[in-house]
Protein backbone atom coordinates (compact mmCIF):
# COMPACT_ATOMS: atom_id res chain seq x y z
CA MET A 1 23.35 21.35 18.39
CA LEU A 2 26.27 19.16 19.45
CA ALA A 3 28.36 21.49 16.56
CA ILE A 4 26.74 24.52 17.31
CA VAL A 5 26.98 24.84 20.75
CA PRO A 6 31.07 24.94 20.88
CA TYR A 7 30.82 27.45 18.04
CA LEU A 8 28.60 29.41 20.08
CA VAL A 9 30.98 29.18 23.25
CA GLN A 10 33.61 29.79 21.23
CA HIS A 11 31.92 33.02 19.36
CA PRO A 12 29.90 34.84 21.94
CA GLY A 13 27.33 37.06 20.64
CA SER A 14 27.29 35.69 16.99
CA ALA A 15 23.84 36.79 15.40
CA LEU A 16 21.12 34.52 15.07
CA ASP A 17 20.43 34.75 11.54
CA GLU A 18 24.16 34.30 10.66
CA VAL A 19 24.44 31.21 12.97
CA ALA A 20 21.53 29.71 11.22
CA THR A 21 22.65 30.40 7.72
CA ALA A 22 26.13 29.42 8.24
CA PHE A 23 24.99 26.16 9.85
CA GLY A 24 22.17 25.15 7.26
CA VAL A 25 19.43 25.78 10.01
CA ALA A 26 16.02 27.83 9.38
CA PRO A 27 16.22 30.82 12.06
CA GLY A 28 12.73 29.55 13.86
CA GLN A 29 14.39 25.80 13.91
CA LEU A 30 17.68 27.29 15.61
CA ARG A 31 15.87 29.66 17.92
CA ARG A 32 13.66 26.79 19.01
CA ASP A 33 16.74 24.42 19.48
CA LEU A 34 18.10 27.04 21.68
CA ASP A 35 15.44 27.15 24.05
CA LEU A 36 15.70 23.24 24.92
CA LEU A 37 19.38 24.04 26.07
CA PHE A 38 17.52 25.33 29.04
CA MET A 39 17.16 21.88 30.08
CA SER A 40 20.40 20.22 29.22
CA GLY A 41 23.67 20.06 31.64
CA LEU A 42 25.22 17.88 33.98
CA PRO A 43 24.38 15.94 37.15
CA PRO A 44 23.00 16.72 39.23
CA TYR A 45 20.94 18.92 36.84
CA GLY A 46 20.29 21.63 39.72
CA PRO A 47 19.87 25.29 38.27
CA GLY A 48 23.55 25.78 38.21
CA ASP A 49 24.20 22.59 36.06
CA LEU A 50 21.62 23.86 33.45
CA ILE A 51 23.15 25.76 30.12
CA ASP A 52 22.09 29.46 30.10
CA VAL A 53 21.13 30.93 27.17
CA ASP A 54 20.12 34.33 26.23
CA VAL A 55 18.92 35.95 22.74
CA ASP A 56 18.91 39.47 22.72
CA GLU A 57 16.49 42.06 21.66
CA ASP A 58 18.93 42.32 18.09
CA GLY A 59 19.26 38.54 17.84
CA HIS A 60 22.52 37.78 19.41
CA ILE A 61 23.06 34.76 21.12
CA TRP A 62 25.04 34.40 24.70
CA ILE A 63 25.61 31.11 26.26
CA SER A 64 27.04 30.46 29.36
CA MET A 65 27.58 27.62 31.80
CA ALA A 66 28.69 25.52 29.06
CA ASP A 67 32.10 25.22 29.70
CA HIS A 68 32.25 21.30 28.61
CA PHE A 69 31.18 22.76 25.52
CA SER A 70 33.97 24.68 24.77
CA ARG A 71 35.82 21.99 22.76
CA PRO A 72 34.49 20.94 19.83
CA LEU A 73 33.10 17.68 18.97
CA GLN A 74 35.75 15.42 18.21
CA LEU A 75 37.07 12.01 18.65
CA THR A 76 40.48 11.53 19.89
CA ARG A 77 42.44 8.79 18.31
CA ILE A 78 41.90 6.52 21.16
CA GLU A 79 38.19 7.12 21.06
CA ALA A 80 37.67 6.70 17.59
CA LEU A 81 39.37 3.05 17.73
CA ALA A 82 36.98 2.05 20.40
CA VAL A 83 34.26 3.21 18.13
CA TYR A 84 35.60 1.59 15.12
CA LEU A 85 35.88 -1.92 17.04
CA ARG A 86 32.57 -1.58 18.67
CA GLY A 87 31.08 -1.03 15.52
CA THR A 88 32.61 -3.62 13.73
CA GLU A 89 31.82 -5.93 16.11
CA LEU A 90 28.51 -4.89 16.10
CA LEU A 91 28.37 -5.04 12.13
CA ALA A 92 29.67 -8.68 12.30
CA LEU A 93 27.10 -10.06 15.01
CA PRO A 94 25.30 -12.73 13.06
CA GLY A 95 21.62 -12.28 12.91
CA MET A 96 21.93 -8.38 12.70
CA PRO A 97 20.18 -6.55 9.84
CA ASP A 98 22.03 -4.38 7.17
CA ALA A 99 22.59 -1.33 8.76
CA PRO A 100 24.77 0.35 5.39
CA ALA A 101 24.73 3.69 7.63
CA LEU A 102 26.76 1.98 9.79
CA ALA A 103 29.19 0.37 7.51
CA LYS A 104 29.79 3.81 5.79
CA ALA A 105 30.53 5.44 9.15
CA LEU A 106 33.12 2.66 9.67
CA GLU A 107 34.59 3.05 6.23
CA LYS A 108 35.06 7.02 7.26
CA LEU A 109 36.67 6.13 10.36
CA GLN A 110 38.85 3.90 8.97
CA ARG A 111 40.51 6.38 6.55
CA SER A 112 40.20 9.12 9.46
CA LEU A 113 42.64 6.47 11.81
CA GLY A 114 44.87 5.64 8.84
CA ALA A 115 46.72 2.47 8.53
CA ASP A 116 49.43 2.88 11.42
CA ALA A 117 46.63 3.13 14.01
CA LEU A 118 44.78 0.01 12.96
CA ARG A 119 48.42 -1.82 12.46
CA GLU A 120 49.15 -0.98 16.10
CA ALA A 121 45.73 -2.99 16.78
CA GLU A 122 47.01 -5.64 14.63
CA GLY A 123 47.74 -9.00 16.66
CA ARG A 124 46.75 -7.56 19.18
CA ILE A 125 42.19 -7.46 18.62
CA GLU A 126 40.82 -9.95 15.95
CA ILE A 127 37.89 -8.28 14.10
CA ALA A 128 35.12 -10.83 14.53
CA ARG A 129 33.51 -12.13 10.98
CA ARG A 130 29.78 -12.37 10.47
CA GLY A 131 28.82 -15.80 11.16
CA ARG A 132 25.34 -17.91 11.50
CA ALA A 133 22.21 -16.18 13.67
CA PRO A 134 20.96 -18.38 15.75
CA GLU A 135 18.38 -20.67 14.59
CA HIS A 136 15.47 -19.41 16.36
CA LEU A 137 16.33 -15.45 16.25
CA ASP A 138 13.47 -14.40 14.04
CA LEU A 139 10.80 -16.47 15.83
CA LEU A 140 12.24 -15.12 19.00
CA ARG A 141 12.20 -11.24 17.75
CA ALA A 142 8.64 -11.90 16.67
CA ALA A 143 7.12 -13.49 19.78
CA ALA A 144 8.47 -10.47 21.69
CA ARG A 145 7.11 -8.10 19.10
CA GLY A 146 3.69 -9.71 19.64
CA HIS A 147 3.82 -10.82 23.06
CA GLU A 148 3.26 -14.22 22.34
CA ARG A 149 4.04 -16.90 25.00
CA LEU A 150 6.59 -19.90 23.44
CA SER A 151 7.49 -23.45 24.32
CA ILE A 152 11.06 -23.90 24.23
CA ASP A 153 14.05 -26.52 25.00
CA TYR A 154 16.94 -24.80 26.48
CA PHE A 155 20.48 -25.64 27.22
CA ALA A 156 21.27 -24.11 30.73
CA ALA A 157 25.22 -23.55 30.76
CA SER A 158 24.83 -23.37 34.60
CA THR A 159 23.49 -26.87 34.86
CA GLY A 160 24.63 -28.57 31.86
CA GLU A 161 21.20 -30.11 31.13
CA TRP A 162 18.26 -29.50 28.64
CA SER A 163 14.98 -28.62 29.98
CA HIS A 164 11.77 -27.82 28.39
CA ARG A 165 10.41 -23.93 29.33
CA GLU A 166 7.08 -22.00 28.67
CA ILE A 167 8.58 -18.25 28.44
CA ASP A 168 6.95 -14.96 27.83
CA PRO A 169 9.65 -13.00 25.74
CA GLU A 170 9.71 -9.13 25.98
CA GLU A 171 13.13 -8.39 24.83
CA VAL A 172 15.60 -9.69 22.33
CA PHE A 173 18.96 -7.77 22.28
CA SER A 174 22.85 -8.45 21.52
CA GLY A 175 25.76 -8.26 24.07
CA MET A 176 29.19 -9.52 24.24
CA GLY A 177 28.80 -11.44 20.52
CA HIS A 178 25.49 -13.05 21.31
CA TRP A 179 21.85 -12.52 21.18
CA TYR A 180 19.73 -12.71 24.28
CA VAL A 181 15.99 -12.98 25.48
CA ALA A 182 15.26 -11.14 28.51
CA ALA A 183 11.85 -13.20 29.32
CA TRP A 184 9.44 -14.42 32.09
CA ASP A 185 9.77 -17.96 33.13
CA VAL A 186 6.13 -19.29 33.10
CA ASP A 187 7.16 -22.65 35.34
CA ALA A 188 9.93 -20.67 37.61
CA ASP A 189 7.54 -17.57 37.65
CA ALA A 190 10.65 -15.70 37.73
CA GLU A 191 12.68 -13.38 35.08
CA ARG A 192 15.31 -15.25 33.01
CA LEU A 193 17.74 -14.33 30.72
CA PHE A 194 18.19 -16.65 27.89
CA ARG A 195 21.02 -17.41 25.14
CA ALA A 196 19.41 -17.25 21.90
CA ASP A 197 21.79 -19.78 20.20
CA ARG A 198 21.06 -22.40 23.33
CA VAL A 199 17.46 -22.73 22.27
CA ARG A 200 17.09 -25.86 20.65
CA SER A 201 13.12 -25.53 19.86
CA ALA A 202 10.55 -22.96 20.05
CA ALA A 203 6.97 -22.99 19.17
CA PRO A 204 4.16 -20.52 19.86
CA THR A 205 2.08 -21.78 22.61
CA GLY A 206 -1.16 -19.65 21.46
CA GLU A 207 -1.27 -17.82 24.49
CA THR A 208 -0.27 -14.35 24.91
CA PHE A 209 1.19 -12.07 27.81
CA VAL A 210 1.23 -8.41 29.03
CA PRO A 211 4.52 -7.01 29.23
CA ARG A 212 6.19 -6.64 32.62
CA GLY A 213 8.91 -3.97 31.76
CA LEU A 214 12.03 -6.21 31.76
CA ARG A 215 15.08 -4.58 30.55
CA GLY A 216 16.93 -5.53 27.65
CA ALA A 217 19.88 -3.93 26.03
CA GLY A 218 22.60 -2.11 28.82
CA ARG A 219 21.26 -4.54 31.14
CA ASP A 220 23.83 -7.11 33.07
CA LEU A 221 23.96 -10.41 31.88
CA TYR A 222 23.36 -11.71 35.31
CA SER A 223 20.42 -11.32 37.62
CA PRO A 224 21.84 -11.79 40.95
CA THR A 225 19.40 -13.89 43.39
CA GLY A 226 19.42 -14.30 47.10
CA GLU A 227 19.98 -18.01 46.60
CA ASP A 228 23.71 -17.07 44.98
CA VAL A 229 27.25 -18.17 46.01
CA SER A 230 30.20 -15.88 46.55
CA VAL A 231 32.97 -16.95 44.50
CA ARG A 232 36.29 -15.67 44.84
CA LEU A 233 38.82 -15.86 41.89
CA ARG A 234 42.37 -14.83 41.36
CA LEU A 235 42.74 -13.82 37.52
CA ARG A 236 46.12 -13.77 36.01
CA PRO A 237 46.10 -10.99 33.01
CA ALA A 238 45.12 -13.55 30.51
CA ALA A 239 42.04 -14.67 32.09
CA ARG A 240 41.18 -11.05 33.61
CA TRP A 241 38.31 -10.93 30.43
CA ILE A 242 36.57 -13.04 33.06
CA ALA A 243 35.64 -9.89 35.00
CA GLU A 244 34.84 -7.88 32.17
CA TYR A 245 31.95 -10.58 30.78
CA TYR A 246 30.37 -11.81 34.00
CA ALA A 247 28.59 -9.94 36.62
CA THR A 248 30.77 -8.89 39.67
CA THR A 249 30.34 -7.35 43.07
CA GLU A 250 34.12 -6.87 43.88
CA LEU A 251 36.96 -6.29 42.18
CA GLU A 252 40.88 -5.52 43.39
CA GLU A 253 43.81 -5.05 40.69
CA ARG A 254 46.88 -6.66 41.23
CA ASP A 255 50.48 -6.11 40.86
CA ASP A 256 50.74 -8.46 38.12
CA GLY A 257 48.26 -6.75 35.86
CA GLY A 258 45.62 -9.55 37.01
CA VAL A 259 42.43 -9.13 39.18
CA GLU A 260 40.64 -10.69 42.26
CA VAL A 261 36.91 -10.57 41.85
CA THR A 262 33.84 -11.64 43.84
CA LEU A 263 31.13 -13.07 41.61
CA PRO A 264 27.40 -14.23 42.16
CA ALA A 265 26.71 -17.50 40.87
CA ARG A 266 23.44 -19.78 41.58
CA GLN A 267 25.43 -23.02 40.38
CA LEU A 268 28.63 -24.08 40.96
CA GLY A 269 28.97 -26.18 37.81
CA TRP A 270 29.07 -23.45 35.13
CA VAL A 271 32.09 -21.74 37.01
CA ALA A 272 33.80 -25.07 37.36
CA ARG A 273 33.66 -25.94 33.65
CA LEU A 274 34.79 -22.05 32.98
CA LEU A 275 37.68 -22.47 35.28
CA VAL A 276 39.14 -25.50 33.48
CA ARG A 277 38.71 -23.51 30.12
CA VAL A 278 41.49 -21.01 31.57
CA GLY A 279 43.73 -23.53 33.58
CA ASP A 280 46.73 -22.00 35.53
CA ASP A 281 45.30 -18.41 34.56
CA ALA A 282 42.78 -18.57 37.28
CA GLU A 283 42.87 -20.01 40.94
CA VAL A 284 39.97 -20.30 43.39
CA VAL A 285 40.08 -18.42 46.56
CA GLU A 286 36.81 -19.41 48.01
CA PRO A 287 34.45 -21.20 48.61
CA ALA A 288 36.59 -24.66 48.91
CA GLU A 289 34.13 -26.86 47.27
CA LEU A 290 34.68 -25.05 43.94
CA ARG A 291 38.12 -26.06 44.21
CA HIS A 292 37.03 -29.68 44.88
CA GLU A 293 34.58 -29.23 41.65
CA VAL A 294 37.11 -27.85 39.51
CA ARG A 295 40.02 -31.35 40.39
CA ARG A 296 36.60 -33.83 39.88
CA LEU A 297 35.91 -31.84 36.38
CA ALA A 298 39.64 -31.92 35.03
CA ARG A 299 39.78 -35.78 36.35
CA GLU A 300 36.87 -36.48 34.13
CA THR A 301 37.58 -34.52 31.13
CA LEU A 302 41.27 -36.13 31.19
CA VAL A 303 39.48 -39.91 31.27
CA GLY A 304 37.62 -38.75 28.60
CA TYR A 305 40.24 -38.32 26.31
CA GLY A 306 41.90 -41.57 27.21
CA HIS A 307 44.46 -39.67 29.98
CA LYS A 308 45.29 -41.82 33.29
CA THR A 309 44.23 -39.86 36.41
């Protein structure tokens, strides 16, 4: 239909039988598909936003309220490059099942883009290569499918410590190059998001659970709570990826190409470790205790490498 509707918009009054033959669709199926267009359109989906279709007594098709379909379905070079890069990243994700259809589609995109477009991205974008899947990924997936409670040992980046937990895993999904588990933490009696590669051990407890409807793919990778501290950071261009990777509540563009962002944090420790990684490319605006924590952690790190502070 994504191909047929633009054709009908550009060729009003086309005969139903001729359109069905041209697109290799049975006339009856095409008529049923056209009937579905009455429920299609743009937000807020009011009467004036839905596509209007009329097939007259002679079998000619007339479509209105579909100006957004006037351009044939065709990607721009930038859109095609974005799809190619995202698809390549997905295909390289460790633990992703074989996807021959995706690989074939990416080969077609690569040929269509041509060497010039890909050469422009060379050196600025690094394509990921398939690595090792998290050790317990298959077990986590099976537990989510079977609604089985698991006992896990988990490394929490927020505290830098290992902990033993019982969880009810509901969704296992990929995001930003990692595998995540949306689960109910039994001890905390709250929803938690776990990174699969930080699970050191996992075993079924023999208990099952009733799913609570936790969201998986497409969700934010951080769930704010009432206990969060607001952290204000000034990021130079080399560190603005932080604003894209982590959940933010405020974002302000800066003249130098960087951004100033506010992000929620349940623990300041992980933010301090992050800032030590990026060095001078990030500056703490507030809170003041985070600046002190960054300095303390930096001194400890230097001492660990044999430097005097």
